[in-house]
Amino acid sequence: DPDPEAKKEKKKKKAYVYTTVAHVEHEDASYVLVGAKVVGVLRMILALLFHNRLTAPGLIFLTDGQKTLQAAIRCAFSWWGSLQLILDWYHLEKRCKEVLSRAMNGRELRNATLEKLRPLLWHGLTDQAIRFLRGLDAEQIKKEEAREELIGYLERCQPYIPCYAVRRKLGWRNSSQIGEKMNDLVVSERQKNNGMSWSPEGSVGLAALTALIRNQEQDTWFNTQTVKLKLRPAA
C-alpha cells in the first residue's frame, strides 16, 4: 500500500500567493500599481490621484464583482465627490451563463434563456431581467437553487450594472480587461510558468519591479529609492 503520509501530503491544499494589480487611466495616460493587499493598493491609488492633481469628481472603478473588493473601494473612497463602481460586462455575462447551465434543463434551454436575458442586462434593465428569471416555467428549471442564486447575484450587483449599450455608444469602457491584461503582463507572464513557486514577498517584489519598468520608473527607483508617480502616455 502507498505510504499513508504520502497520501496526506497529496491531499494538502496548495498555498496561493495573491497580488493586487490596479491600472489607473486618465485621458491618454496611465500607471500600474502593485501590492500584496487590496487596502494598500487603494491607498496608492489615492496618492497617485492627489500627486497628479486628479481630484475632480468622477472616479470610476471597473471590477469583476468580487464583494470584498467592492466593499473595500466604497470604504476607501466613500468621501469622494462622485464614485461609480461598474460590473465588468464579461464577468456579468460569464456568471449568467455558468449559473444558467446549472439552473436550466439542458443546453438549448440555457442558450434560449441567455439570449433573452443578455439584452436586458446590456441595456441596464436589471429589474426586468430579475422578473424574467422569476417568470420562467418551472418545467424548464432543473435546479431551483441555481435560479435563486442568479437572481440574488443580480439583486446584489444591480447598483453596479449600468446601461452598457449607452457606454459603448459613447466610447466608454465596459470591461476591466485592460486591468486583467496588466495582471498578465506584470504577474502571470513572469511567475506562472511550470515548476515555479514563490514566497509572498518574492512574488510581490518581482511584480513591483515589472511594474516599475512598465511605468518607466526603474532609473528613478534604483538611483533614489523613490518614484515620480507620474501618469505616462501609452507607449
C-alpha atoms as a PDB file:
ATOM      1  CA  ASP A   1       0.000   0.000   0.000  1.00  0.00           C
ATOM      2  CA  PRO A   2       1.157   3.577  -0.618  1.00  0.00           C
ATOM      3  CA  ASP A   3       2.619   5.411   2.335  1.00  0.00           C
ATOM      4  CA  PRO A   4      -0.298   6.977   4.335  1.00  0.00           C
ATOM      5  CA  GLU A   5       1.791  10.066   4.972  1.00  0.00           C
ATOM      6  CA  ALA A   6       2.377  10.462   1.250  1.00  0.00           C
ATOM      7  CA  LYS A   7      -1.386  10.300   0.708  1.00  0.00           C
ATOM      8  CA  LYS A   8      -1.915  13.037   3.278  1.00  0.00           C
ATOM      9  CA  GLU A   9       0.729  15.157   1.595  1.00  0.00           C
ATOM     10  CA  LYS A  10      -1.036  14.866  -1.757  1.00  0.00           C
ATOM     11  CA  LYS A  11      -4.326  15.891  -0.203  1.00  0.00           C
ATOM     12  CA  LYS A  12      -2.883  19.064   1.236  1.00  0.00           C
ATOM     13  CA  LYS A  13      -4.281  22.163  -0.416  1.00  0.00           C
ATOM     14  CA  LYS A  14      -1.933  24.244  -2.455  1.00  0.00           C
ATOM     15  CA  ALA A  15      -0.942  27.562  -0.961  1.00  0.00           C
ATOM     16  CA  TYR A  16      -1.535  30.549  -3.204  1.00  0.00           C
ATOM     17  CA  VAL A  17       0.148  33.934  -3.313  1.00  0.00           C
ATOM     18  CA  TYR A  18      -2.185  36.834  -4.033  1.00  0.00           C
ATOM     19  CA  THR A  19      -1.059  40.055  -5.672  1.00  0.00           C
ATOM     20  CA  THR A  20      -3.312  43.056  -6.277  1.00  0.00           C
ATOM     21  CA  VAL A  21      -2.800  44.941  -9.538  1.00  0.00           C
ATOM     22  CA  ALA A  22      -4.529  48.209 -10.467  1.00  0.00           C
ATOM     23  CA  HIS A  23      -4.401  50.025 -13.801  1.00  0.00           C
ATOM     24  CA  VAL A  24      -5.177  53.740 -13.436  1.00  0.00           C
ATOM     25  CA  GLU A  25      -6.057  55.629 -16.597  1.00  0.00           C
ATOM     26  CA  HIS A  26      -6.812  59.289 -17.282  1.00  0.00           C
ATOM     27  CA  GLU A  27      -7.310  60.504 -20.857  1.00  0.00           C
ATOM     28  CA  ASP A  28      -4.354  59.020 -22.788  1.00  0.00           C
ATOM     29  CA  ALA A  29      -2.069  58.417 -19.792  1.00  0.00           C
ATOM     30  CA  SER A  30      -1.883  55.542 -17.318  1.00  0.00           C
ATOM     31  CA  TYR A  31       0.017  53.975 -14.419  1.00  0.00           C
ATOM     32  CA  VAL A  32       0.231  50.454 -12.961  1.00  0.00           C
ATOM     33  CA  LEU A  33       0.204  49.854  -9.204  1.00  0.00           C
ATOM     34  CA  VAL A  34       1.072  46.596  -7.427  1.00  0.00           C
ATOM     35  CA  GLY A  35       0.723  45.465  -3.825  1.00  0.00           C
ATOM     36  CA  ALA A  36       0.150  42.471  -1.589  1.00  0.00           C
ATOM     37  CA  LYS A  37      -3.170  43.742  -0.208  1.00  0.00           C
ATOM     38  CA  VAL A  38      -6.189  45.495  -1.710  1.00  0.00           C
ATOM     39  CA  VAL A  39      -6.177  48.172   1.000  1.00  0.00           C
ATOM     40  CA  GLY A  40      -2.544  49.051   0.312  1.00  0.00           C
ATOM     41  CA  VAL A  41      -3.155  49.386  -3.423  1.00  0.00           C
ATOM     42  CA  LEU A  42      -6.207  51.595  -2.814  1.00  0.00           C
ATOM     43  CA  ARG A  43      -4.015  53.892  -0.722  1.00  0.00           C
ATOM     44  CA  MET A  44      -1.510  54.019  -3.579  1.00  0.00           C
ATOM     45  CA  ILE A  45      -4.322  54.931  -5.977  1.00  0.00           C
ATOM     46  CA  LEU A  46      -5.290  57.781  -3.692  1.00  0.00           C
ATOM     47  CA  ALA A  47      -1.673  59.007  -3.541  1.00  0.00           C
ATOM     48  CA  LEU A  48      -1.412  58.796  -7.345  1.00  0.00           C
ATOM     49  CA  LEU A  49      -4.603  60.805  -7.818  1.00  0.00           C
ATOM     50  CA  PHE A  50      -3.526  63.561  -5.444  1.00  0.00           C
ATOM     51  CA  HIS A  51       0.011  63.689  -6.814  1.00  0.00           C
ATOM     52  CA  ASN A  52      -1.340  64.159 -10.345  1.00  0.00           C
ATOM     53  CA  ARG A  53      -3.972  66.641  -9.101  1.00  0.00           C
ATOM     54  CA  LEU A  54      -6.837  64.452 -10.244  1.00  0.00           C
ATOM     55  CA  THR A  55      -9.223  65.480  -7.505  1.00  0.00           C
ATOM     56  CA  ALA A  56     -12.264  66.412  -9.575  1.00  0.00           C
ATOM     57  CA  PRO A  57     -15.435  64.319  -9.144  1.00  0.00           C
ATOM     58  CA  GLY A  58     -15.937  61.409 -11.498  1.00  0.00           C
ATOM     59  CA  LEU A  59     -13.941  58.433 -10.224  1.00  0.00           C
ATOM     60  CA  ILE A  60     -14.878  55.122 -11.886  1.00  0.00           C
ATOM     61  CA  PHE A  61     -13.794  51.605 -10.886  1.00  0.00           C
ATOM     62  CA  LEU A  62     -14.342  48.684 -13.257  1.00  0.00           C
ATOM     63  CA  THR A  63     -14.309  45.433 -11.265  1.00  0.00           C
ATOM     64  CA  ASP A  64     -15.204  41.755 -11.614  1.00  0.00           C
ATOM     65  CA  GLY A  65     -17.906  41.963  -8.953  1.00  0.00           C
ATOM     66  CA  GLN A  66     -15.972  40.496  -6.029  1.00  0.00           C
ATOM     67  CA  LYS A  67     -17.862  41.541  -2.890  1.00  0.00           C
ATOM     68  CA  THR A  68     -14.815  42.205  -0.720  1.00  0.00           C
ATOM     69  CA  LEU A  69     -13.200  44.350  -3.427  1.00  0.00           C
ATOM     70  CA  GLN A  70     -16.360  46.407  -3.927  1.00  0.00           C
ATOM     71  CA  ALA A  71     -16.690  46.912  -0.174  1.00  0.00           C
ATOM     72  CA  ALA A  72     -13.045  47.989   0.146  1.00  0.00           C
ATOM     73  CA  ILE A  73     -13.412  50.538  -2.678  1.00  0.00           C
ATOM     74  CA  ARG A  74     -16.591  52.014  -1.200  1.00  0.00           C
ATOM     75  CA  CYS A  75     -14.942  52.265   2.207  1.00  0.00           C
ATOM     76  CA  ALA A  76     -11.762  53.905   0.881  1.00  0.00           C
ATOM     77  CA  PHE A  77     -13.488  56.404  -1.433  1.00  0.00           C
ATOM     78  CA  SER A  78     -16.895  56.966   0.171  1.00  0.00           C
ATOM     79  CA  TRP A  79     -15.998  60.610   0.743  1.00  0.00           C
ATOM     80  CA  TRP A  80     -15.106  61.216  -2.932  1.00  0.00           C
ATOM     81  CA  GLY A  81     -17.355  63.645  -4.756  1.00  0.00           C
ATOM     82  CA  SER A  82     -18.616  61.172  -7.342  1.00  0.00           C
ATOM     83  CA  LEU A  83     -17.755  57.479  -7.164  1.00  0.00           C
ATOM     84  CA  GLN A  84     -19.060  54.845  -9.560  1.00  0.00           C
ATOM     85  CA  LEU A  85     -18.419  51.108  -9.484  1.00  0.00           C
ATOM     86  CA  ILE A  86     -19.181  49.254 -12.712  1.00  0.00           C
ATOM     87  CA  LEU A  87     -19.515  45.497 -13.020  1.00  0.00           C
ATOM     88  CA  ASP A  88     -17.377  44.273 -15.892  1.00  0.00           C
ATOM     89  CA  TRP A  89     -19.668  43.088 -18.717  1.00  0.00           C
ATOM     90  CA  TYR A  90     -17.585  39.995 -19.487  1.00  0.00           C
ATOM     91  CA  HIS A  91     -17.828  38.749 -15.887  1.00  0.00           C
ATOM     92  CA  LEU A  92     -21.561  39.503 -15.719  1.00  0.00           C
ATOM     93  CA  GLU A  93     -22.259  37.559 -18.909  1.00  0.00           C
ATOM     94  CA  LYS A  94     -19.978  34.705 -17.830  1.00  0.00           C
ATOM     95  CA  ARG A  95     -21.652  34.409 -14.415  1.00  0.00           C
ATOM     96  CA  CYS A  96     -25.097  34.304 -16.004  1.00  0.00           C
ATOM     97  CA  LYS A  97     -24.013  31.577 -18.415  1.00  0.00           C
ATOM     98  CA  GLU A  98     -22.410  29.469 -15.676  1.00  0.00           C
ATOM     99  CA  VAL A  99     -25.367  29.657 -13.284  1.00  0.00           C
ATOM    100  CA  LEU A 100     -27.948  29.111 -16.024  1.00  0.00           C
ATOM    101  CA  SER A 101     -26.047  25.967 -17.009  1.00  0.00           C
ATOM    102  CA  ARG A 102     -26.869  24.599 -13.559  1.00  0.00           C
ATOM    103  CA  ALA A 103     -30.368  26.019 -13.424  1.00  0.00           C
ATOM    104  CA  MET A 104     -31.875  25.060 -16.786  1.00  0.00           C
ATOM    105  CA  ASN A 105     -32.956  21.708 -18.212  1.00  0.00           C
ATOM    106  CA  GLY A 106     -30.385  21.312 -20.959  1.00  0.00           C
ATOM    107  CA  ARG A 107     -28.136  23.438 -23.110  1.00  0.00           C
ATOM    108  CA  GLU A 108     -30.824  24.508 -25.577  1.00  0.00           C
ATOM    109  CA  LEU A 109     -32.992  25.987 -22.825  1.00  0.00           C
ATOM    110  CA  ARG A 110     -29.961  27.623 -21.258  1.00  0.00           C
ATOM    111  CA  ASN A 111     -28.960  29.252 -24.530  1.00  0.00           C
ATOM    112  CA  ALA A 112     -32.526  30.402 -25.258  1.00  0.00           C
ATOM    113  CA  THR A 113     -32.818  31.894 -21.775  1.00  0.00           C
ATOM    114  CA  LEU A 114     -29.455  33.596 -22.071  1.00  0.00           C
ATOM    115  CA  GLU A 115     -30.425  35.103 -25.425  1.00  0.00           C
ATOM    116  CA  LYS A 116     -33.414  36.813 -23.773  1.00  0.00           C
ATOM    117  CA  LEU A 117     -31.558  37.760 -20.596  1.00  0.00           C
ATOM    118  CA  ARG A 118     -28.456  39.232 -22.230  1.00  0.00           C
ATOM    119  CA  PRO A 119     -30.113  42.253 -23.977  1.00  0.00           C
ATOM    120  CA  LEU A 120     -31.973  43.182 -20.788  1.00  0.00           C
ATOM    121  CA  LEU A 121     -28.723  43.363 -18.845  1.00  0.00           C
ATOM    122  CA  TRP A 122     -26.861  45.030 -21.736  1.00  0.00           C
ATOM    123  CA  HIS A 123     -29.381  47.887 -21.544  1.00  0.00           C
ATOM    124  CA  GLY A 124     -29.209  48.067 -17.734  1.00  0.00           C
ATOM    125  CA  LEU A 125     -32.741  46.719 -17.244  1.00  0.00           C
ATOM    126  CA  THR A 126     -31.877  44.659 -14.177  1.00  0.00           C
ATOM    127  CA  ASP A 127     -35.396  44.759 -12.698  1.00  0.00           C
ATOM    128  CA  GLN A 128     -36.817  43.352 -15.929  1.00  0.00           C
ATOM    129  CA  ALA A 129     -34.067  40.713 -16.023  1.00  0.00           C
ATOM    130  CA  ILE A 130     -34.990  39.571 -12.497  1.00  0.00           C
ATOM    131  CA  ARG A 131     -38.718  39.463 -13.360  1.00  0.00           C
ATOM    132  CA  PHE A 132     -37.887  37.433 -16.464  1.00  0.00           C
ATOM    133  CA  LEU A 133     -35.943  34.875 -14.404  1.00  0.00           C
ATOM    134  CA  ARG A 134     -38.697  34.644 -11.806  1.00  0.00           C
ATOM    135  CA  GLY A 135     -41.274  34.086 -14.559  1.00  0.00           C
ATOM    136  CA  LEU A 136     -39.535  31.102 -16.146  1.00  0.00           C
ATOM    137  CA  ASP A 137     -41.684  27.992 -16.415  1.00  0.00           C
ATOM    138  CA  ALA A 138     -40.969  25.577 -13.559  1.00  0.00           C
ATOM    139  CA  GLU A 139     -40.714  22.728 -16.082  1.00  0.00           C
ATOM    140  CA  GLN A 140     -37.706  24.456 -17.629  1.00  0.00           C
ATOM    141  CA  ILE A 141     -35.844  24.593 -14.319  1.00  0.00           C
ATOM    142  CA  LYS A 142     -33.528  21.768 -13.321  1.00  0.00           C
ATOM    143  CA  LYS A 143     -32.233  23.300 -10.098  1.00  0.00           C
ATOM    144  CA  GLU A 144     -34.297  25.967  -8.366  1.00  0.00           C
ATOM    145  CA  GLU A 145     -31.417  26.869  -6.032  1.00  0.00           C
ATOM    146  CA  ALA A 146     -29.333  27.929  -9.029  1.00  0.00           C
ATOM    147  CA  ARG A 147     -32.105  30.206 -10.338  1.00  0.00           C
ATOM    148  CA  GLU A 148     -32.366  31.856  -6.909  1.00  0.00           C
ATOM    149  CA  GLU A 149     -28.577  32.194  -6.824  1.00  0.00           C
ATOM    150  CA  LEU A 150     -28.573  34.130 -10.105  1.00  0.00           C
ATOM    151  CA  ILE A 151     -31.477  36.325  -9.001  1.00  0.00           C
ATOM    152  CA  GLY A 152     -29.665  37.088  -5.742  1.00  0.00           C
ATOM    153  CA  TYR A 153     -26.494  37.906  -7.650  1.00  0.00           C
ATOM    154  CA  LEU A 154     -28.314  40.373  -9.923  1.00  0.00           C
ATOM    155  CA  GLU A 155     -30.080  41.978  -6.951  1.00  0.00           C
ATOM    156  CA  ARG A 156     -26.756  42.451  -5.155  1.00  0.00           C
ATOM    157  CA  CYS A 157     -24.970  43.785  -8.245  1.00  0.00           C
ATOM    158  CA  GLN A 158     -27.812  45.987  -9.501  1.00  0.00           C
ATOM    159  CA  PRO A 159     -26.149  49.258  -8.338  1.00  0.00           C
ATOM    160  CA  TYR A 160     -23.109  48.354 -10.460  1.00  0.00           C
ATOM    161  CA  ILE A 161     -24.941  47.383 -13.664  1.00  0.00           C
ATOM    162  CA  PRO A 162     -25.190  50.453 -15.955  1.00  0.00           C
ATOM    163  CA  CYS A 163     -26.610  50.735 -19.436  1.00  0.00           C
ATOM    164  CA  TYR A 164     -23.676  49.138 -21.218  1.00  0.00           C
ATOM    165  CA  ALA A 165     -25.229  49.990 -24.598  1.00  0.00           C
ATOM    166  CA  VAL A 166     -25.043  53.741 -23.904  1.00  0.00           C
ATOM    167  CA  ARG A 167     -21.494  53.452 -22.595  1.00  0.00           C
ATOM    168  CA  ARG A 168     -20.472  51.583 -25.754  1.00  0.00           C
ATOM    169  CA  LYS A 169     -22.072  54.247 -27.953  1.00  0.00           C
ATOM    170  CA  LEU A 170     -20.202  56.995 -26.071  1.00  0.00           C
ATOM    171  CA  GLY A 171     -16.915  55.125 -26.470  1.00  0.00           C
ATOM    172  CA  TRP A 172     -16.575  54.392 -22.739  1.00  0.00           C
ATOM    173  CA  ARG A 173     -15.197  51.205 -21.244  1.00  0.00           C
ATOM    174  CA  ASN A 174     -17.470  48.345 -20.252  1.00  0.00           C
ATOM    175  CA  SER A 175     -14.712  45.945 -19.317  1.00  0.00           C
ATOM    176  CA  SER A 176     -11.886  45.583 -16.807  1.00  0.00           C
ATOM    177  CA  GLN A 177      -9.958  43.697 -19.490  1.00  0.00           C
ATOM    178  CA  ILE A 178      -7.077  46.170 -19.542  1.00  0.00           C
ATOM    179  CA  GLY A 179      -6.595  45.688 -15.796  1.00  0.00           C
ATOM    180  CA  GLU A 180      -6.553  41.924 -16.241  1.00  0.00           C
ATOM    181  CA  LYS A 181      -4.102  42.338 -19.125  1.00  0.00           C
ATOM    182  CA  MET A 182      -1.809  44.294 -16.797  1.00  0.00           C
ATOM    183  CA  ASN A 183      -2.077  41.461 -14.289  1.00  0.00           C
ATOM    184  CA  ASP A 184      -0.996  39.034 -17.020  1.00  0.00           C
ATOM    185  CA  LEU A 185       1.955  41.219 -18.009  1.00  0.00           C
ATOM    186  CA  VAL A 186       3.084  42.154 -14.509  1.00  0.00           C
ATOM    187  CA  VAL A 187       2.429  38.896 -12.649  1.00  0.00           C
ATOM    188  CA  SER A 188       1.365  35.876 -14.691  1.00  0.00           C
ATOM    189  CA  GLU A 189       3.828  36.196 -17.570  1.00  0.00           C
ATOM    190  CA  ARG A 190       6.804  36.062 -15.207  1.00  0.00           C
ATOM    191  CA  GLN A 191       5.522  33.917 -12.350  1.00  0.00           C
ATOM    192  CA  LYS A 192       3.104  31.265 -13.568  1.00  0.00           C
ATOM    193  CA  ASN A 193       5.380  29.001 -15.572  1.00  0.00           C
ATOM    194  CA  ASN A 194       5.544  25.273 -14.833  1.00  0.00           C
ATOM    195  CA  GLY A 195       7.575  24.349 -11.782  1.00  0.00           C
ATOM    196  CA  MET A 196       7.687  27.847 -10.350  1.00  0.00           C
ATOM    197  CA  SER A 197       6.842  28.606  -6.732  1.00  0.00           C
ATOM    198  CA  TRP A 198       7.037  31.927  -4.928  1.00  0.00           C
ATOM    199  CA  SER A 199       7.051  33.323  -1.436  1.00  0.00           C
ATOM    200  CA  PRO A 200       4.587  36.192  -0.856  1.00  0.00           C
ATOM    201  CA  GLU A 201       7.483  38.661  -0.590  1.00  0.00           C
ATOM    202  CA  GLY A 202       9.213  37.342  -3.712  1.00  0.00           C
ATOM    203  CA  SER A 203       6.056  37.373  -5.811  1.00  0.00           C
ATOM    204  CA  VAL A 204       5.094  40.936  -4.910  1.00  0.00           C
ATOM    205  CA  GLY A 205       8.710  42.086  -5.236  1.00  0.00           C
ATOM    206  CA  LEU A 206       9.067  40.742  -8.776  1.00  0.00           C
ATOM    207  CA  ALA A 207       5.670  42.170  -9.756  1.00  0.00           C
ATOM    208  CA  ALA A 208       6.723  45.561  -8.366  1.00  0.00           C
ATOM    209  CA  LEU A 209       9.936  45.503 -10.417  1.00  0.00           C
ATOM    210  CA  THR A 210       7.977  44.643 -13.547  1.00  0.00           C
ATOM    211  CA  ALA A 211       5.549  47.484 -12.817  1.00  0.00           C
ATOM    212  CA  LEU A 212       8.485  49.893 -12.374  1.00  0.00           C
ATOM    213  CA  ILE A 213       9.627  49.074 -15.896  1.00  0.00           C
ATOM    214  CA  ARG A 214       6.122  49.479 -17.353  1.00  0.00           C
ATOM    215  CA  ASN A 215       5.837  52.862 -15.618  1.00  0.00           C
ATOM    216  CA  GLN A 216       9.341  53.867 -16.801  1.00  0.00           C
ATOM    217  CA  GLU A 217      10.302  54.413 -13.167  1.00  0.00           C
ATOM    218  CA  GLN A 218      13.195  51.955 -12.859  1.00  0.00           C
ATOM    219  CA  ASP A 219      16.001  54.511 -13.166  1.00  0.00           C
ATOM    220  CA  THR A 220      14.405  56.818 -10.611  1.00  0.00           C
ATOM    221  CA  TRP A 221      13.879  53.941  -8.184  1.00  0.00           C
ATOM    222  CA  PHE A 222      17.383  52.477  -8.407  1.00  0.00           C
ATOM    223  CA  ASN A 223      19.004  55.909  -8.100  1.00  0.00           C
ATOM    224  CA  THR A 224      16.832  57.442  -5.385  1.00  0.00           C
ATOM    225  CA  GLN A 225      14.585  54.651  -3.993  1.00  0.00           C
ATOM    226  CA  THR A 226      11.581  56.823  -4.840  1.00  0.00           C
ATOM    227  CA  VAL A 227       9.105  57.009  -7.718  1.00  0.00           C
ATOM    228  CA  LYS A 228       7.651  60.023  -9.507  1.00  0.00           C
ATOM    229  CA  LEU A 229       4.074  58.671  -9.617  1.00  0.00           C
ATOM    230  CA  LYS A 230       3.504  60.461 -12.917  1.00  0.00           C
ATOM    231  CA  LEU A 231       0.887  59.187 -15.304  1.00  0.00           C
ATOM    232  CA  ARG A 232       2.517  58.469 -18.651  1.00  0.00           C
ATOM    233  CA  PRO A 233       1.054  58.291 -22.165  1.00  0.00           C
ATOM    234  CA  ALA A 234       0.810  54.783 -23.541  1.00  0.00           C
ATOM    235  CA  ALA A 235       3.886  53.760 -25.491  1.00  0.00           C
END
